[in-house]
Amino acid sequence: MENVSPTRMELLAVKAQIGLAEQGRDLLKEKRNALMKEFMKIADQVMTGSDELEQAAATARRTLARAEALDGPEAVRSAAFAAQAELTLSVEGAFVMGVPVPIIEQKSAARAVIDRGYSLSGTSARIDEAAERFEEEVDLLIELAASELRLRRLAEEIRKTSRRVNALENILIPRLYARRAYIEMVLEERAREDLFRLKTVKRAMLRGRA
């Protein structure tokens, strides 16, 4: 075996490396298991959020269609134009199971009727309801996006951790075991040779005394 010094010191060093490698593998497996639990929890949140968003979007579109049918497309477009506004989002960093993830701090899109900017006398309750439903949809959309970002970060960390576990388990640790076996074999062979030489010397000494 190349680049291996078959000495007892090297054997001790290799055994220590095996211990560290196996300890690191076990810790990474524990981390991966913890990440998987968190991943599954957030995945459930994403699935629930997706269903809620789908229902909210369908409701919003139904109320919009009713408003357009009864109040006219022009009235709806005029109200929508007047109600345009910026939505402030604040993205901060946090850690989930040691993994950096973005946390989106949002101000709710929901507004009071008088804060939407259109004339109350020129709009109907149907338009108000449509606006409210779309505001709810926006809030759910942002919340879902934040959960999906966390899910992606966790998935990437799980992949990285799995690659490291596989590298330790299938490459490094087997190599260290092979190196240990080689050194032990060489040392045992040397011990047998030394024993044979000692026996030869002892027999020669006994013959010399005879």
C-alpha atoms as a PDB file:
ATOM      1  CA  MET A   1       0.000   0.000   0.000  1.00  0.00           C
ATOM      2  CA  GLU A   2       1.468   3.326  -1.095  1.00  0.00           C
ATOM      3  CA  ASN A   3       2.376   6.127   1.296  1.00  0.00           C
ATOM      4  CA  VAL A   4       1.764   3.993   4.368  1.00  0.00           C
ATOM      5  CA  SER A   5       4.405   3.676   7.052  1.00  0.00           C
ATOM      6  CA  PRO A   6       3.731   0.287   8.700  1.00  0.00           C
ATOM      7  CA  THR A   7       4.756   1.235  12.236  1.00  0.00           C
ATOM      8  CA  ARG A   8       3.020   0.964  15.580  1.00  0.00           C
ATOM      9  CA  MET A   9       2.811   4.761  15.791  1.00  0.00           C
ATOM     10  CA  GLU A  10       1.111   4.838  12.407  1.00  0.00           C
ATOM     11  CA  LEU A  11      -1.269   2.109  13.528  1.00  0.00           C
ATOM     12  CA  LEU A  12      -2.270   4.142  16.582  1.00  0.00           C
ATOM     13  CA  ALA A  13      -2.749   7.215  14.392  1.00  0.00           C
ATOM     14  CA  VAL A  14      -4.944   5.292  11.927  1.00  0.00           C
ATOM     15  CA  LYS A  15      -7.071   3.873  14.755  1.00  0.00           C
ATOM     16  CA  ALA A  16      -7.572   7.402  16.085  1.00  0.00           C
ATOM     17  CA  GLN A  17      -8.563   8.584  12.595  1.00  0.00           C
ATOM     18  CA  ILE A  18     -11.082   5.745  12.323  1.00  0.00           C
ATOM     19  CA  GLY A  19     -12.601   6.759  15.658  1.00  0.00           C
ATOM     20  CA  LEU A  20     -12.904  10.380  14.595  1.00  0.00           C
ATOM     21  CA  ALA A  21     -14.309   9.482  11.184  1.00  0.00           C
ATOM     22  CA  GLU A  22     -16.937   7.177  12.671  1.00  0.00           C
ATOM     23  CA  GLN A  23     -17.855   9.769  15.295  1.00  0.00           C
ATOM     24  CA  GLY A  24     -18.201  12.403  12.576  1.00  0.00           C
ATOM     25  CA  ARG A  25     -20.347  10.048  10.488  1.00  0.00           C
ATOM     26  CA  ASP A  26     -22.650   9.340  13.431  1.00  0.00           C
ATOM     27  CA  LEU A  27     -23.015  13.046  14.240  1.00  0.00           C
ATOM     28  CA  LEU A  28     -23.806  13.834  10.601  1.00  0.00           C
ATOM     29  CA  LYS A  29     -26.418  11.077  10.554  1.00  0.00           C
ATOM     30  CA  GLU A  30     -28.034  12.562  13.655  1.00  0.00           C
ATOM     31  CA  LYS A  31     -27.999  15.980  12.015  1.00  0.00           C
ATOM     32  CA  ARG A  32     -29.526  14.560   8.836  1.00  0.00           C
ATOM     33  CA  ASN A  33     -32.289  12.847  10.817  1.00  0.00           C
ATOM     34  CA  ALA A  34     -33.079  16.083  12.651  1.00  0.00           C
ATOM     35  CA  LEU A  35     -33.100  17.993   9.348  1.00  0.00           C
ATOM     36  CA  MET A  36     -35.430  15.415   7.819  1.00  0.00           C
ATOM     37  CA  LYS A  37     -37.896  15.795  10.702  1.00  0.00           C
ATOM     38  CA  GLU A  38     -37.870  19.572  10.280  1.00  0.00           C
ATOM     39  CA  PHE A  39     -38.141  19.172   6.503  1.00  0.00           C
ATOM     40  CA  MET A  40     -41.221  16.961   6.822  1.00  0.00           C
ATOM     41  CA  LYS A  41     -42.825  19.407   9.256  1.00  0.00           C
ATOM     42  CA  ILE A  42     -42.325  22.350   6.904  1.00  0.00           C
ATOM     43  CA  ALA A  43     -43.357  20.208   3.921  1.00  0.00           C
ATOM     44  CA  ASP A  44     -46.691  19.622   5.672  1.00  0.00           C
ATOM     45  CA  GLN A  45     -47.002  23.378   6.173  1.00  0.00           C
ATOM     46  CA  VAL A  46     -46.277  23.967   2.484  1.00  0.00           C
ATOM     47  CA  MET A  47     -48.874  21.407   1.408  1.00  0.00           C
ATOM     48  CA  THR A  48     -51.471  22.917   3.737  1.00  0.00           C
ATOM     49  CA  GLY A  49     -50.542  26.419   2.583  1.00  0.00           C
ATOM     50  CA  SER A  50     -50.804  25.368  -1.070  1.00  0.00           C
ATOM     51  CA  ASP A  51     -54.312  24.031  -0.504  1.00  0.00           C
ATOM     52  CA  GLU A  52     -55.345  27.197   1.351  1.00  0.00           C
ATOM     53  CA  LEU A  53     -53.861  29.388  -1.388  1.00  0.00           C
ATOM     54  CA  GLU A  54     -55.638  27.420  -4.099  1.00  0.00           C
ATOM     55  CA  GLN A  55     -58.966  27.797  -2.302  1.00  0.00           C
ATOM     56  CA  ALA A  56     -58.346  31.500  -1.654  1.00  0.00           C
ATOM     57  CA  ALA A  57     -57.411  32.077  -5.313  1.00  0.00           C
ATOM     58  CA  ALA A  58     -60.563  30.314  -6.507  1.00  0.00           C
ATOM     59  CA  THR A  59     -62.703  32.364  -4.122  1.00  0.00           C
ATOM     60  CA  ALA A  60     -61.006  35.603  -5.192  1.00  0.00           C
ATOM     61  CA  ARG A  61     -61.619  34.868  -8.856  1.00  0.00           C
ATOM     62  CA  ARG A  62     -65.255  34.017  -8.247  1.00  0.00           C
ATOM     63  CA  THR A  63     -65.859  37.295  -6.410  1.00  0.00           C
ATOM     64  CA  LEU A  64     -64.011  39.165  -9.181  1.00  0.00           C
ATOM     65  CA  ALA A  65     -66.121  37.514 -11.868  1.00  0.00           C
ATOM     66  CA  ARG A  66     -69.313  38.387  -9.957  1.00  0.00           C
ATOM     67  CA  ALA A  67     -68.211  42.008  -9.540  1.00  0.00           C
ATOM     68  CA  GLU A  68     -67.351  42.313 -13.224  1.00  0.00           C
ATOM     69  CA  ALA A  69     -70.638  40.740 -14.242  1.00  0.00           C
ATOM     70  CA  LEU A  70     -72.822  42.934 -12.024  1.00  0.00           C
ATOM     71  CA  ASP A  71     -70.838  46.182 -11.762  1.00  0.00           C
ATOM     72  CA  GLY A  72     -69.075  46.074 -15.120  1.00  0.00           C
ATOM     73  CA  PRO A  73     -65.395  45.579 -16.042  1.00  0.00           C
ATOM     74  CA  GLU A  74     -64.766  49.328 -16.172  1.00  0.00           C
ATOM     75  CA  ALA A  75     -65.860  49.885 -12.581  1.00  0.00           C
ATOM     76  CA  VAL A  76     -63.702  46.988 -11.400  1.00  0.00           C
ATOM     77  CA  ARG A  77     -60.645  48.192 -13.357  1.00  0.00           C
ATOM     78  CA  SER A  78     -61.097  51.719 -12.043  1.00  0.00           C
ATOM     79  CA  ALA A  79     -61.273  50.492  -8.439  1.00  0.00           C
ATOM     80  CA  ALA A  80     -58.270  48.221  -8.976  1.00  0.00           C
ATOM     81  CA  PHE A  81     -56.221  51.079 -10.414  1.00  0.00           C
ATOM     82  CA  ALA A  82     -57.116  53.345  -7.488  1.00  0.00           C
ATOM     83  CA  ALA A  83     -56.335  50.606  -4.946  1.00  0.00           C
ATOM     84  CA  GLN A  84     -52.773  50.013  -6.173  1.00  0.00           C
ATOM     85  CA  ALA A  85     -50.257  50.202  -3.345  1.00  0.00           C
ATOM     86  CA  GLU A  86     -46.811  48.982  -2.387  1.00  0.00           C
ATOM     87  CA  LEU A  87     -46.460  46.058  -0.008  1.00  0.00           C
ATOM     88  CA  THR A  88     -43.498  46.246   2.342  1.00  0.00           C
ATOM     89  CA  LEU A  89     -41.557  43.062   3.011  1.00  0.00           C
ATOM     90  CA  SER A  90     -38.606  42.668   5.345  1.00  0.00           C
ATOM     91  CA  VAL A  91     -36.315  39.666   4.863  1.00  0.00           C
ATOM     92  CA  GLU A  92     -34.177  38.667   7.837  1.00  0.00           C
ATOM     93  CA  GLY A  93     -31.877  35.746   8.486  1.00  0.00           C
ATOM     94  CA  ALA A  94     -32.519  33.023  11.032  1.00  0.00           C
ATOM     95  CA  PHE A  95     -31.377  29.472  11.711  1.00  0.00           C
ATOM     96  CA  VAL A  96     -33.447  26.309  11.512  1.00  0.00           C
ATOM     97  CA  MET A  97     -31.515  23.302  12.841  1.00  0.00           C
ATOM     98  CA  GLY A  98     -28.321  25.276  12.272  1.00  0.00           C
ATOM     99  CA  VAL A  99     -29.233  26.043   8.648  1.00  0.00           C
ATOM    100  CA  PRO A 100     -29.467  29.721   7.646  1.00  0.00           C
ATOM    101  CA  VAL A 101     -32.918  30.435   6.245  1.00  0.00           C
ATOM    102  CA  PRO A 102     -34.708  33.647   5.245  1.00  0.00           C
ATOM    103  CA  ILE A 103     -37.570  34.850   7.418  1.00  0.00           C
ATOM    104  CA  ILE A 104     -39.997  37.154   5.612  1.00  0.00           C
ATOM    105  CA  GLU A 105     -41.572  39.748   7.857  1.00  0.00           C
ATOM    106  CA  GLN A 106     -44.647  41.050   6.073  1.00  0.00           C
ATOM    107  CA  LYS A 107     -47.186  43.717   6.686  1.00  0.00           C
ATOM    108  CA  SER A 108     -50.593  42.256   5.938  1.00  0.00           C
ATOM    109  CA  ALA A 109     -52.020  43.185   2.569  1.00  0.00           C
ATOM    110  CA  ALA A 110     -55.476  43.463   4.130  1.00  0.00           C
ATOM    111  CA  ARG A 111     -56.775  47.037   4.334  1.00  0.00           C
ATOM    112  CA  ALA A 112     -59.882  48.759   5.568  1.00  0.00           C
ATOM    113  CA  VAL A 113     -62.323  49.805   2.863  1.00  0.00           C
ATOM    114  CA  ILE A 114     -61.526  53.484   3.375  1.00  0.00           C
ATOM    115  CA  ASP A 115     -57.783  52.784   2.930  1.00  0.00           C
ATOM    116  CA  ARG A 116     -58.031  51.247  -0.552  1.00  0.00           C
ATOM    117  CA  GLY A 117     -58.056  54.567  -2.344  1.00  0.00           C
ATOM    118  CA  TYR A 118     -61.196  54.251  -4.399  1.00  0.00           C
ATOM    119  CA  SER A 119     -64.448  56.155  -3.967  1.00  0.00           C
ATOM    120  CA  LEU A 120     -66.842  54.404  -1.629  1.00  0.00           C
ATOM    121  CA  SER A 121     -69.809  55.959  -3.368  1.00  0.00           C
ATOM    122  CA  GLY A 122     -68.575  54.765  -6.771  1.00  0.00           C
ATOM    123  CA  THR A 123     -68.052  51.132  -5.836  1.00  0.00           C
ATOM    124  CA  SER A 124     -70.191  48.310  -4.579  1.00  0.00           C
ATOM    125  CA  ALA A 125     -69.899  45.788  -1.764  1.00  0.00           C
ATOM    126  CA  ARG A 126     -69.067  43.217  -4.447  1.00  0.00           C
ATOM    127  CA  ILE A 127     -65.917  45.128  -5.412  1.00  0.00           C
ATOM    128  CA  ASP A 128     -65.029  45.522  -1.742  1.00  0.00           C
ATOM    129  CA  GLU A 129     -65.377  41.773  -1.279  1.00  0.00           C
ATOM    130  CA  ALA A 130     -63.239  41.043  -4.350  1.00  0.00           C
ATOM    131  CA  ALA A 131     -60.527  43.366  -3.043  1.00  0.00           C
ATOM    132  CA  GLU A 132     -60.643  41.685   0.355  1.00  0.00           C
ATOM    133  CA  ARG A 133     -60.367  38.205  -1.150  1.00  0.00           C
ATOM    134  CA  PHE A 134     -57.362  39.168  -3.282  1.00  0.00           C
ATOM    135  CA  GLU A 135     -55.672  40.735  -0.251  1.00  0.00           C
ATOM    136  CA  GLU A 136     -56.136  37.446   1.585  1.00  0.00           C
ATOM    137  CA  GLU A 137     -54.641  35.621  -1.394  1.00  0.00           C
ATOM    138  CA  VAL A 138     -51.565  37.879  -1.355  1.00  0.00           C
ATOM    139  CA  ASP A 139     -50.990  37.235   2.369  1.00  0.00           C
ATOM    140  CA  LEU A 140     -51.224  33.472   1.850  1.00  0.00           C
ATOM    141  CA  LEU A 141     -48.939  33.674  -1.183  1.00  0.00           C
ATOM    142  CA  ILE A 142     -46.195  35.461   0.770  1.00  0.00           C
ATOM    143  CA  GLU A 143     -46.511  33.068   3.687  1.00  0.00           C
ATOM    144  CA  LEU A 144     -46.258  30.090   1.338  1.00  0.00           C
ATOM    145  CA  ALA A 145     -43.237  31.587  -0.429  1.00  0.00           C
ATOM    146  CA  ALA A 146     -41.440  31.958   2.911  1.00  0.00           C
ATOM    147  CA  SER A 147     -42.155  28.317   3.800  1.00  0.00           C
ATOM    148  CA  GLU A 148     -40.975  27.125   0.385  1.00  0.00           C
ATOM    149  CA  LEU A 149     -37.710  29.056   0.777  1.00  0.00           C
ATOM    150  CA  ARG A 150     -37.075  27.364   4.117  1.00  0.00           C
ATOM    151  CA  LEU A 151     -37.933  24.013   2.569  1.00  0.00           C
ATOM    152  CA  ARG A 152     -35.427  24.520  -0.271  1.00  0.00           C
ATOM    153  CA  ARG A 153     -32.648  25.504   2.130  1.00  0.00           C
ATOM    154  CA  LEU A 154     -33.311  22.453   4.291  1.00  0.00           C
ATOM    155  CA  ALA A 155     -33.405  20.170   1.244  1.00  0.00           C
ATOM    156  CA  GLU A 156     -30.041  21.505   0.082  1.00  0.00           C
ATOM    157  CA  GLU A 157     -28.526  21.024   3.534  1.00  0.00           C
ATOM    158  CA  ILE A 158     -29.891  17.462   3.657  1.00  0.00           C
ATOM    159  CA  ARG A 159     -28.250  16.744   0.287  1.00  0.00           C
ATOM    160  CA  LYS A 160     -24.923  18.187   1.471  1.00  0.00           C
ATOM    161  CA  THR A 161     -25.061  16.235   4.724  1.00  0.00           C
ATOM    162  CA  SER A 162     -25.927  13.004   2.880  1.00  0.00           C
ATOM    163  CA  ARG A 163     -22.978  13.491   0.532  1.00  0.00           C
ATOM    164  CA  ARG A 164     -20.654  13.927   3.506  1.00  0.00           C
ATOM    165  CA  VAL A 165     -22.079  10.843   5.232  1.00  0.00           C
ATOM    166  CA  ASN A 166     -21.637   8.802   2.049  1.00  0.00           C
ATOM    167  CA  ALA A 167     -18.077  10.061   1.582  1.00  0.00           C
ATOM    168  CA  LEU A 168     -17.179   9.032   5.127  1.00  0.00           C
ATOM    169  CA  GLU A 169     -19.060   5.746   5.066  1.00  0.00           C
ATOM    170  CA  ASN A 170     -18.144   4.539   1.584  1.00  0.00           C
ATOM    171  CA  ILE A 171     -14.741   6.113   0.913  1.00  0.00           C
ATOM    172  CA  LEU A 172     -12.772   7.425   3.882  1.00  0.00           C
ATOM    173  CA  ILE A 173     -13.672   4.874   6.558  1.00  0.00           C
ATOM    174  CA  PRO A 174     -13.145   1.826   4.276  1.00  0.00           C
ATOM    175  CA  ARG A 175      -9.766   3.262   3.254  1.00  0.00           C
ATOM    176  CA  LEU A 176      -8.776   3.714   6.883  1.00  0.00           C
ATOM    177  CA  TYR A 177      -9.852   0.166   7.720  1.00  0.00           C
ATOM    178  CA  ALA A 178      -7.837  -1.128   4.766  1.00  0.00           C
ATOM    179  CA  ARG A 179      -4.818   0.886   5.926  1.00  0.00           C
ATOM    180  CA  ARG A 180      -5.176  -0.461   9.452  1.00  0.00           C
ATOM    181  CA  ALA A 181      -5.447  -4.026   8.166  1.00  0.00           C
ATOM    182  CA  TYR A 182      -2.355  -3.564   6.010  1.00  0.00           C
ATOM    183  CA  ILE A 183      -0.295  -2.154   8.887  1.00  0.00           C
ATOM    184  CA  GLU A 184      -1.448  -4.928  11.224  1.00  0.00           C
ATOM    185  CA  MET A 185      -0.559  -7.531   8.610  1.00  0.00           C
ATOM    186  CA  VAL A 186       2.925  -6.071   8.132  1.00  0.00           C
ATOM    187  CA  LEU A 187       3.517  -5.816  11.871  1.00  0.00           C
ATOM    188  CA  GLU A 188       2.346  -9.380  12.428  1.00  0.00           C
ATOM    189  CA  GLU A 189       4.619 -10.590   9.635  1.00  0.00           C
ATOM    190  CA  ARG A 190       7.532  -8.720  11.182  1.00  0.00           C
ATOM    191  CA  ALA A 191       6.722 -10.213  14.579  1.00  0.00           C
ATOM    192  CA  ARG A 192       6.737 -13.712  13.080  1.00  0.00           C
ATOM    193  CA  GLU A 193      10.041 -13.011  11.354  1.00  0.00           C
ATOM    194  CA  ASP A 194      11.537 -11.667  14.586  1.00  0.00           C
ATOM    195  CA  LEU A 195      10.299 -14.713  16.475  1.00  0.00           C
ATOM    196  CA  PHE A 196      11.766 -17.013  13.839  1.00  0.00           C
ATOM    197  CA  ARG A 197      15.115 -15.220  14.046  1.00  0.00           C
ATOM    198  CA  LEU A 198      15.100 -15.442  17.832  1.00  0.00           C
ATOM    199  CA  LYS A 199      14.391 -19.144  17.702  1.00  0.00           C
ATOM    200  CA  THR A 200      17.174 -19.615  15.134  1.00  0.00           C
ATOM    201  CA  VAL A 201      19.605 -17.674  17.302  1.00  0.00           C
ATOM    202  CA  LYS A 202      18.568 -19.641  20.395  1.00  0.00           C
ATOM    203  CA  ARG A 203      19.089 -22.983  18.616  1.00  0.00           C
ATOM    204  CA  ALA A 204      22.485 -21.817  17.391  1.00  0.00           C
ATOM    205  CA  MET A 205      23.469 -20.793  20.900  1.00  0.00           C
ATOM    206  CA  LEU A 206      22.335 -24.144  22.278  1.00  0.00           C
ATOM    207  CA  ARG A 207      24.327 -26.019  19.650  1.00  0.00           C
ATOM    208  CA  GLY A 208      27.367 -23.894  20.498  1.00  0.00           C
ATOM    209  CA  ARG A 209      27.179 -24.896  24.137  1.00  0.00           C
ATOM    210  CA  ALA A 210      26.925 -28.579  23.340  1.00  0.00           C
END
